[in-house]
């Protein structure tokens, strides 16, 4: 059997792409609700994702085929298309906020004197090109971009940690369970990363101890996210909710920058480069799903549809972005949780019928 990915690439995927899109506006979203306990809200979501990824990894160990065939073997062709349609809607909705985040960041931070939406439009040809490529391209990108992610993160960490007052997060839990859980609930759009791993089932050769490697890689990713949240709040404390683009703000008051200039832009550019692929992932998997549902042979057709819809949303609904963001944090949050966490968590059940069939055979 020919595999598109290697275990190494699955592990690096979790390190390279999972932390990045949580460093834009998510910290300010959490800080607005749970204040100093924002890191606990983040920890709750990370723990849910860890459990989901552990269960999906177990499915990877048990399965001898990919996710598409597992669903079809269990629910039939009609049922599988319905389930895949739910994931298609999930990925399309999941992509809207991160794409708008990076668009806003490019316009309002990198081009402050003359912001224009046209600066961001080259993103769409890039994601279109990615969407017509096989899954192994994601693996190859992971092999390279994990370096960019870690270097970018550690550059910002080095420049900002000296400004942090770690006593700001004390006493722990002072904001109460309601606010902590509410903040976690509103952040579900940025989590649910176990859904990506579903589409890696059967795409790499699972060997002994691979599950430990995958879970350990996610733990490293979670550590990056959690430490970033803590440092962010410890720098800005009570005004953290006003800092919309977190990873630009945490380092710009460092003494080194005052003496040498915006040295932190080295780390920022590296993170943005990785994030270009990170925010493309929902659209990439949406295209894979569409290809499967309609048995499309020419991938550029589905890529054009998926990318075209996102470009249209960006261009025509720009003035309604705040409403869309509020919907993602409100009414749609439960949908993101169910599809991104609950459904993947039940993926081990897909292997039961398959194993039973083998026994009968």
Protein backbone atom coordinates (compact mmCIF):
# COMPACT_ATOMS: atom_id res chain seq x y z
CA UNK A 1 0.00 0.00 0.00
CA UNK A 2 1.33 3.43 -0.98
CA UNK A 3 1.17 6.07 1.74
CA UNK A 4 1.01 9.81 1.12
CA UNK A 5 2.51 10.76 4.49
CA UNK A 6 5.05 9.64 7.05
CA UNK A 7 4.58 9.63 10.80
CA UNK A 8 7.28 12.27 11.07
CA UNK A 9 5.28 14.59 8.84
CA UNK A 10 2.09 14.08 10.86
CA UNK A 11 4.01 15.05 14.01
CA UNK A 12 5.60 18.09 12.37
CA UNK A 13 2.21 19.09 10.98
CA UNK A 14 0.94 19.52 14.54
CA UNK A 15 3.95 21.66 15.45
CA UNK A 16 4.12 23.73 12.28
CA UNK A 17 0.48 24.68 11.69
CA UNK A 18 -1.64 24.15 14.80
CA UNK A 19 -0.27 26.96 17.07
CA UNK A 20 -0.09 29.77 14.51
CA UNK A 21 -3.69 30.84 13.92
CA UNK A 22 -4.23 31.04 17.69
CA UNK A 23 -1.76 33.92 17.99
CA UNK A 24 -3.77 36.61 16.21
CA UNK A 25 -7.03 37.69 17.88
CA UNK A 26 -7.79 34.64 20.04
CA UNK A 27 -5.79 35.95 23.05
CA UNK A 28 -7.79 39.18 23.10
CA UNK A 29 -11.06 37.24 22.71
CA UNK A 30 -10.27 35.08 25.74
CA UNK A 31 -8.91 37.99 27.78
CA UNK A 32 -12.09 39.99 27.24
CA UNK A 33 -14.13 37.33 29.07
CA UNK A 34 -11.92 35.52 31.57
CA UNK A 35 -9.19 38.16 32.05
CA UNK A 36 -6.25 36.72 34.03
CA UNK A 37 -7.71 33.23 33.75
CA UNK A 38 -7.65 33.28 29.95
CA UNK A 39 -4.88 30.68 30.03
CA UNK A 40 -7.19 28.29 31.90
CA UNK A 41 -9.85 28.78 29.20
CA UNK A 42 -7.20 27.99 26.61
CA UNK A 43 -6.06 24.97 28.63
CA UNK A 44 -9.61 23.56 28.64
CA UNK A 45 -9.83 23.75 24.85
CA UNK A 46 -6.35 22.31 24.46
CA UNK A 47 -7.24 19.41 26.75
CA UNK A 48 -10.37 18.65 24.72
CA UNK A 49 -8.29 18.67 21.54
CA UNK A 50 -5.67 16.45 23.16
CA UNK A 51 -8.32 13.88 24.07
CA UNK A 52 -9.76 14.06 20.54
CA UNK A 53 -6.36 13.63 18.91
CA UNK A 54 -5.52 10.69 21.19
CA UNK A 55 -8.75 8.93 20.14
CA UNK A 56 -8.22 9.67 16.45
CA UNK A 57 -4.66 8.35 16.79
CA UNK A 58 -6.12 5.14 18.19
CA UNK A 59 -8.30 4.95 15.06
CA UNK A 60 -5.17 5.37 12.93
CA UNK A 61 -3.67 2.36 14.68
CA UNK A 62 -6.76 0.19 14.18
CA UNK A 63 -7.63 1.19 10.63
CA UNK A 64 -6.28 -0.36 7.44
CA UNK A 65 -7.96 2.14 5.14
CA UNK A 66 -8.56 5.89 4.94
CA UNK A 67 -11.28 7.94 6.62
CA UNK A 68 -13.43 8.16 3.50
CA UNK A 69 -13.64 4.37 3.18
CA UNK A 70 -14.18 3.92 6.92
CA UNK A 71 -17.22 6.19 6.84
CA UNK A 72 -18.57 4.56 3.66
CA UNK A 73 -18.11 1.04 5.08
CA UNK A 74 -20.02 2.02 8.21
CA UNK A 75 -22.81 4.27 6.92
CA UNK A 76 -23.04 3.40 3.21
CA UNK A 77 -22.60 5.76 0.29
CA UNK A 78 -25.55 8.04 1.09
CA UNK A 79 -24.76 8.23 4.81
CA UNK A 80 -21.08 8.87 4.16
CA UNK A 81 -21.89 11.74 1.79
CA UNK A 82 -24.10 13.33 4.42
CA UNK A 83 -21.38 13.07 7.07
CA UNK A 84 -18.73 14.38 4.69
CA UNK A 85 -21.04 17.27 3.80
CA UNK A 86 -21.14 18.24 7.48
CA UNK A 87 -17.33 18.29 7.57
CA UNK A 88 -17.30 20.31 4.34
CA UNK A 89 -19.52 22.98 5.91
CA UNK A 90 -17.36 22.86 9.05
CA UNK A 91 -14.13 23.53 7.16
CA UNK A 92 -15.69 26.28 5.04
CA UNK A 93 -16.97 28.08 8.14
CA UNK A 94 -13.77 27.43 10.07
CA UNK A 95 -11.71 29.17 7.37
CA UNK A 96 -13.57 32.49 7.39
CA UNK A 97 -12.29 33.99 10.65
CA UNK A 98 -8.58 33.03 10.29
CA UNK A 99 -8.46 34.33 6.70
CA UNK A 100 -10.03 37.62 7.78
CA UNK A 101 -7.62 37.82 10.71
CA UNK A 102 -4.59 37.63 8.45
CA UNK A 103 -6.18 40.01 5.94
CA UNK A 104 -6.76 42.57 8.68
CA UNK A 105 -3.26 42.05 10.01
CA UNK A 106 -1.69 42.65 6.59
CA UNK A 107 -3.79 45.75 5.98
CA UNK A 108 -3.67 47.39 9.40
CA UNK A 109 -0.24 46.37 10.68
CA UNK A 110 2.09 45.89 7.71
CA UNK A 111 0.53 48.60 5.52
CA UNK A 112 -0.63 51.17 8.04
CA UNK A 113 -0.15 54.23 5.80
CA UNK A 114 -2.23 53.02 2.87
CA UNK A 115 -4.23 49.90 3.74
CA UNK A 116 -5.96 48.09 0.88
CA UNK A 117 -7.62 44.72 0.45
CA UNK A 118 -5.59 44.20 -2.73
CA UNK A 119 -2.46 43.56 -0.66
CA UNK A 120 -4.04 40.32 0.57
CA UNK A 121 -5.55 39.02 -2.69
CA UNK A 122 -2.35 37.11 -3.76
CA UNK A 123 -3.21 34.71 -0.94
CA UNK A 124 -5.99 33.17 -3.01
CA UNK A 125 -3.84 31.99 -5.95
CA UNK A 126 -1.49 30.43 -3.40
CA UNK A 127 -4.27 28.48 -1.66
CA UNK A 128 -5.77 27.53 -5.03
CA UNK A 129 -2.44 26.01 -6.06
CA UNK A 130 -2.21 24.16 -2.75
CA UNK A 131 -5.75 22.77 -3.07
CA UNK A 132 -5.01 21.00 -6.37
CA UNK A 133 -2.00 19.19 -4.94
CA UNK A 134 -1.97 15.70 -3.34
CA UNK A 135 -1.78 15.19 0.42
CA UNK A 136 1.95 14.53 0.36
CA UNK A 137 2.49 18.26 -0.33
CA UNK A 138 1.10 19.01 3.13
CA UNK A 139 3.63 16.57 4.54
CA UNK A 140 6.49 18.21 2.68
CA UNK A 141 5.38 21.65 3.83
CA UNK A 142 5.36 20.34 7.41
CA UNK A 143 8.93 19.11 6.98
CA UNK A 144 10.06 22.67 6.26
CA UNK A 145 7.69 25.05 8.02
CA UNK A 146 7.99 23.65 11.54
CA UNK A 147 11.40 25.35 11.59
CA UNK A 148 9.84 28.70 10.62
CA UNK A 149 7.18 28.32 13.30
CA UNK A 150 9.60 27.49 16.11
CA UNK A 151 12.17 30.15 15.16
CA UNK A 152 9.46 32.79 14.82
CA UNK A 153 7.94 31.83 18.16
CA UNK A 154 11.24 31.80 20.05
CA UNK A 155 12.28 35.17 18.57
CA UNK A 156 9.09 36.75 19.93
CA UNK A 157 9.42 34.85 23.19
CA UNK A 158 12.99 36.07 23.69
CA UNK A 159 12.01 39.68 23.01
CA UNK A 160 8.89 39.73 25.17
CA UNK A 161 9.43 37.50 28.21
CA UNK A 162 11.47 40.15 30.06
CA UNK A 163 8.47 42.50 29.99
CA UNK A 164 6.10 39.97 31.55
CA UNK A 165 4.87 40.26 35.12
CA UNK A 166 3.92 36.67 35.94
CA UNK A 167 2.20 37.66 39.16
CA UNK A 168 -0.57 39.12 36.98
CA UNK A 169 -2.21 35.70 36.56
CA UNK A 170 -2.54 35.29 40.33
CA UNK A 171 -4.69 34.32 42.12
CA UNK A 172 -5.64 31.46 39.80
CA UNK A 173 -9.35 31.10 39.08
CA UNK A 174 -10.35 34.46 40.54
CA UNK A 175 -12.75 35.16 37.66
CA UNK A 176 -14.91 32.14 38.37
CA UNK A 177 -15.82 29.00 36.49
CA UNK A 178 -18.60 30.62 34.45
CA UNK A 179 -16.32 33.16 32.78
CA UNK A 180 -13.54 30.62 32.24
CA UNK A 181 -15.85 28.11 30.55
CA UNK A 182 -17.63 30.84 28.59
CA UNK A 183 -14.33 32.08 27.17
CA UNK A 184 -13.37 28.54 26.23
CA UNK A 185 -16.75 28.09 24.52
CA UNK A 186 -16.32 31.25 22.44
CA UNK A 187 -12.89 30.08 21.28
CA UNK A 188 -13.99 26.76 19.75
CA UNK A 189 -13.65 28.19 16.23
CA UNK A 190 -9.88 28.34 16.73
CA UNK A 191 -9.60 24.80 18.08
CA UNK A 192 -11.05 21.46 16.95
CA UNK A 193 -7.75 20.44 15.35
CA UNK A 194 -8.53 16.75 15.73
CA UNK A 195 -10.73 17.07 12.63
CA UNK A 196 -7.60 17.49 10.49
CA UNK A 197 -6.14 14.28 11.84
CA UNK A 198 -9.23 12.35 10.72
CA UNK A 199 -8.14 12.83 7.12
CA UNK A 200 -4.69 11.43 7.89
CA UNK A 201 -6.19 8.06 8.86
CA UNK A 202 -4.80 5.39 6.55
CA UNK A 203 -2.51 7.91 4.85
CA UNK A 204 0.64 6.97 6.77
CA UNK A 205 2.12 3.67 7.91
CA UNK A 206 1.28 3.40 11.60
CA UNK A 207 4.06 1.71 13.56
CA UNK A 208 4.65 0.89 17.20
CA UNK A 209 4.89 3.98 19.45
CA UNK A 210 3.65 6.29 16.67
CA UNK A 211 0.70 7.24 18.86
CA UNK A 212 3.04 8.46 21.58
CA UNK A 213 4.98 10.54 19.04
CA UNK A 214 1.83 12.16 17.67
CA UNK A 215 0.42 12.96 21.10
CA UNK A 216 3.81 14.28 22.26
CA UNK A 217 3.96 16.55 19.21
CA UNK A 218 0.57 17.96 20.04
CA UNK A 219 1.66 18.50 23.64
CA UNK A 220 4.59 20.57 22.36
CA UNK A 221 2.19 22.56 20.19
CA UNK A 222 -0.12 23.04 23.17
CA UNK A 223 2.81 24.22 25.30
CA UNK A 224 3.66 26.85 22.69
CA UNK A 225 0.07 28.10 22.64
CA UNK A 226 -0.34 28.12 26.41
CA UNK A 227 2.96 29.87 27.10
CA UNK A 228 2.10 32.50 24.50
CA UNK A 229 -1.26 33.16 26.19
CA UNK A 230 0.35 33.52 29.62
CA UNK A 231 3.10 35.87 28.42
CA UNK A 232 0.58 37.94 26.46
CA UNK A 233 -1.59 38.54 29.50
CA UNK A 234 1.36 39.07 31.83
CA UNK A 235 2.55 41.91 29.60
CA UNK A 236 -0.74 43.76 29.07
CA UNK A 237 -2.80 42.60 32.10
CA UNK A 238 -6.02 44.62 32.34
CA UNK A 239 -5.74 46.07 28.81
CA UNK A 240 -4.99 42.71 27.16
CA UNK A 241 -8.46 42.55 25.60
CA UNK A 242 -7.70 45.71 23.60
CA UNK A 243 -4.61 44.24 21.89
CA UNK A 244 -6.23 42.72 18.81
CA UNK A 245 -3.09 41.36 17.13
CA UNK A 246 -1.33 39.68 20.01
CA UNK A 247 1.97 38.54 18.54
CA UNK A 248 2.79 41.97 17.13
CA UNK A 249 2.04 43.71 20.40
CA UNK A 250 3.92 41.54 22.90
CA UNK A 251 7.40 42.36 21.62
CA UNK A 252 7.31 45.94 20.38
CA UNK A 253 8.05 47.53 23.77
CA UNK A 254 11.30 45.62 24.27
CA UNK A 255 14.45 47.69 24.88
CA UNK A 256 16.33 45.86 22.12
CA UNK A 257 13.73 47.04 19.59
CA UNK A 258 14.04 50.63 20.78
CA UNK A 259 17.79 50.48 20.14
CA UNK A 260 17.96 48.37 16.96
CA UNK A 261 14.55 48.82 15.31
CA UNK A 262 11.74 46.31 14.77
CA UNK A 263 13.93 43.23 15.06
CA UNK A 264 10.78 41.31 16.01
CA UNK A 265 9.58 41.46 12.42
CA UNK A 266 11.94 38.57 11.64
CA UNK A 267 9.86 36.36 13.91
CA UNK A 268 6.60 37.90 12.70
CA UNK A 269 7.38 37.29 9.02
CA UNK A 270 8.33 33.66 9.73
CA UNK A 271 5.05 33.10 11.60
CA UNK A 272 3.00 34.76 8.87
CA UNK A 273 4.67 32.54 6.28
CA UNK A 274 3.69 29.43 8.24
CA UNK A 275 0.25 30.87 8.88
CA UNK A 276 -0.39 31.21 5.14
CA UNK A 277 -0.40 27.42 4.98
CA UNK A 278 -2.18 27.05 8.32
CA UNK A 279 -5.22 29.10 7.27
CA UNK A 280 -5.26 27.27 3.92
CA UNK A 281 -5.77 23.88 5.58
CA UNK A 282 -9.57 24.11 6.04
CA UNK A 283 -9.96 24.96 2.36
CA UNK A 284 -7.60 22.16 1.35
CA UNK A 285 -9.60 19.54 3.25
CA UNK A 286 -12.87 21.06 2.04
CA UNK A 287 -11.64 20.46 -1.52
CA UNK A 288 -10.69 16.85 -0.71
CA UNK A 289 -14.16 16.25 0.68
CA UNK A 290 -15.85 17.81 -2.34
CA UNK A 291 -13.74 15.69 -4.68
CA UNK A 292 -14.87 12.57 -2.82
CA UNK A 293 -18.56 13.45 -2.61
CA UNK A 294 -18.93 14.22 -6.32
CA UNK A 295 -16.11 11.96 -7.56
CA UNK A 296 -14.40 14.90 -9.24
CA UNK A 297 -11.35 13.99 -11.32
CA UNK A 298 -10.22 17.52 -12.17
CA UNK A 299 -9.23 18.99 -8.85
CA UNK A 300 -9.02 22.54 -10.14
CA UNK A 301 -12.82 22.64 -10.45
CA UNK A 302 -13.47 22.10 -6.74
CA UNK A 303 -10.49 24.29 -5.81
CA UNK A 304 -11.92 27.11 -7.90
CA UNK A 305 -15.33 26.74 -6.24
CA UNK A 306 -14.02 26.58 -2.68
CA UNK A 307 -11.44 29.36 -3.01
CA UNK A 308 -13.85 31.46 -5.06
CA UNK A 309 -16.51 31.30 -2.33
CA UNK A 310 -14.00 32.39 0.32
CA UNK A 311 -12.73 35.23 -1.87
CA UNK A 312 -16.32 36.34 -2.49
CA UNK A 313 -17.05 36.32 1.24
CA UNK A 314 -13.93 38.37 1.91
CA UNK A 315 -14.71 40.95 -0.78
CA UNK A 316 -18.47 41.33 -0.36
CA UNK A 317 -19.07 40.73 3.35
CA UNK A 318 -16.14 42.73 4.68
CA UNK A 319 -18.39 45.28 6.38
CA UNK A 320 -20.24 42.46 8.19
CA UNK A 321 -17.08 40.82 9.52
CA UNK A 322 -17.79 41.76 13.13
CA UNK A 323 -21.21 40.11 12.89
CA UNK A 324 -19.64 36.99 11.37
CA UNK A 325 -17.03 36.91 14.14
CA UNK A 326 -19.73 37.22 16.82
CA UNK A 327 -21.68 34.36 15.22
CA UNK A 328 -18.54 32.19 15.22
CA UNK A 329 -18.06 32.94 18.93
CA UNK A 330 -21.75 32.50 19.73
CA UNK A 331 -24.35 30.43 17.92
CA UNK A 332 -21.90 28.48 15.76
CA UNK A 333 -19.52 27.63 18.63
CA UNK A 334 -21.44 24.50 19.55
CA UNK A 335 -21.31 23.38 15.90
CA UNK A 336 -17.54 23.82 15.86
CA UNK A 337 -17.27 21.80 19.07
CA UNK A 338 -19.48 18.95 17.86
CA UNK A 339 -17.80 18.56 14.46
CA UNK A 340 -14.27 19.42 15.57
CA UNK A 341 -14.21 17.40 18.79
CA UNK A 342 -17.22 15.16 19.41
CA UNK A 343 -17.46 13.48 16.01
CA UNK A 344 -13.70 12.79 15.72
CA UNK A 345 -13.76 11.42 19.28
CA UNK A 346 -16.18 8.71 18.15
CA UNK A 347 -13.97 7.74 15.20
CA UNK A 348 -12.71 4.51 16.89
CA UNK A 349 -16.24 3.14 16.50
CA UNK A 350 -15.77 3.23 12.72
CA UNK A 351 -13.27 0.38 12.99
CA UNK A 352 -15.68 -1.98 14.77
CA UNK A 353 -17.76 -2.95 11.75
CA UNK A 354 -14.65 -3.30 9.65
CA UNK A 355 -13.09 -5.70 12.19
CA UNK A 356 -16.36 -7.65 12.36
CA UNK A 357 -16.38 -8.01 8.60
CA UNK A 358 -12.87 -9.39 8.68
CA UNK A 359 -13.91 -11.95 11.30
CA UNK A 360 -16.90 -13.06 9.20
CA UNK A 361 -14.72 -13.32 6.15
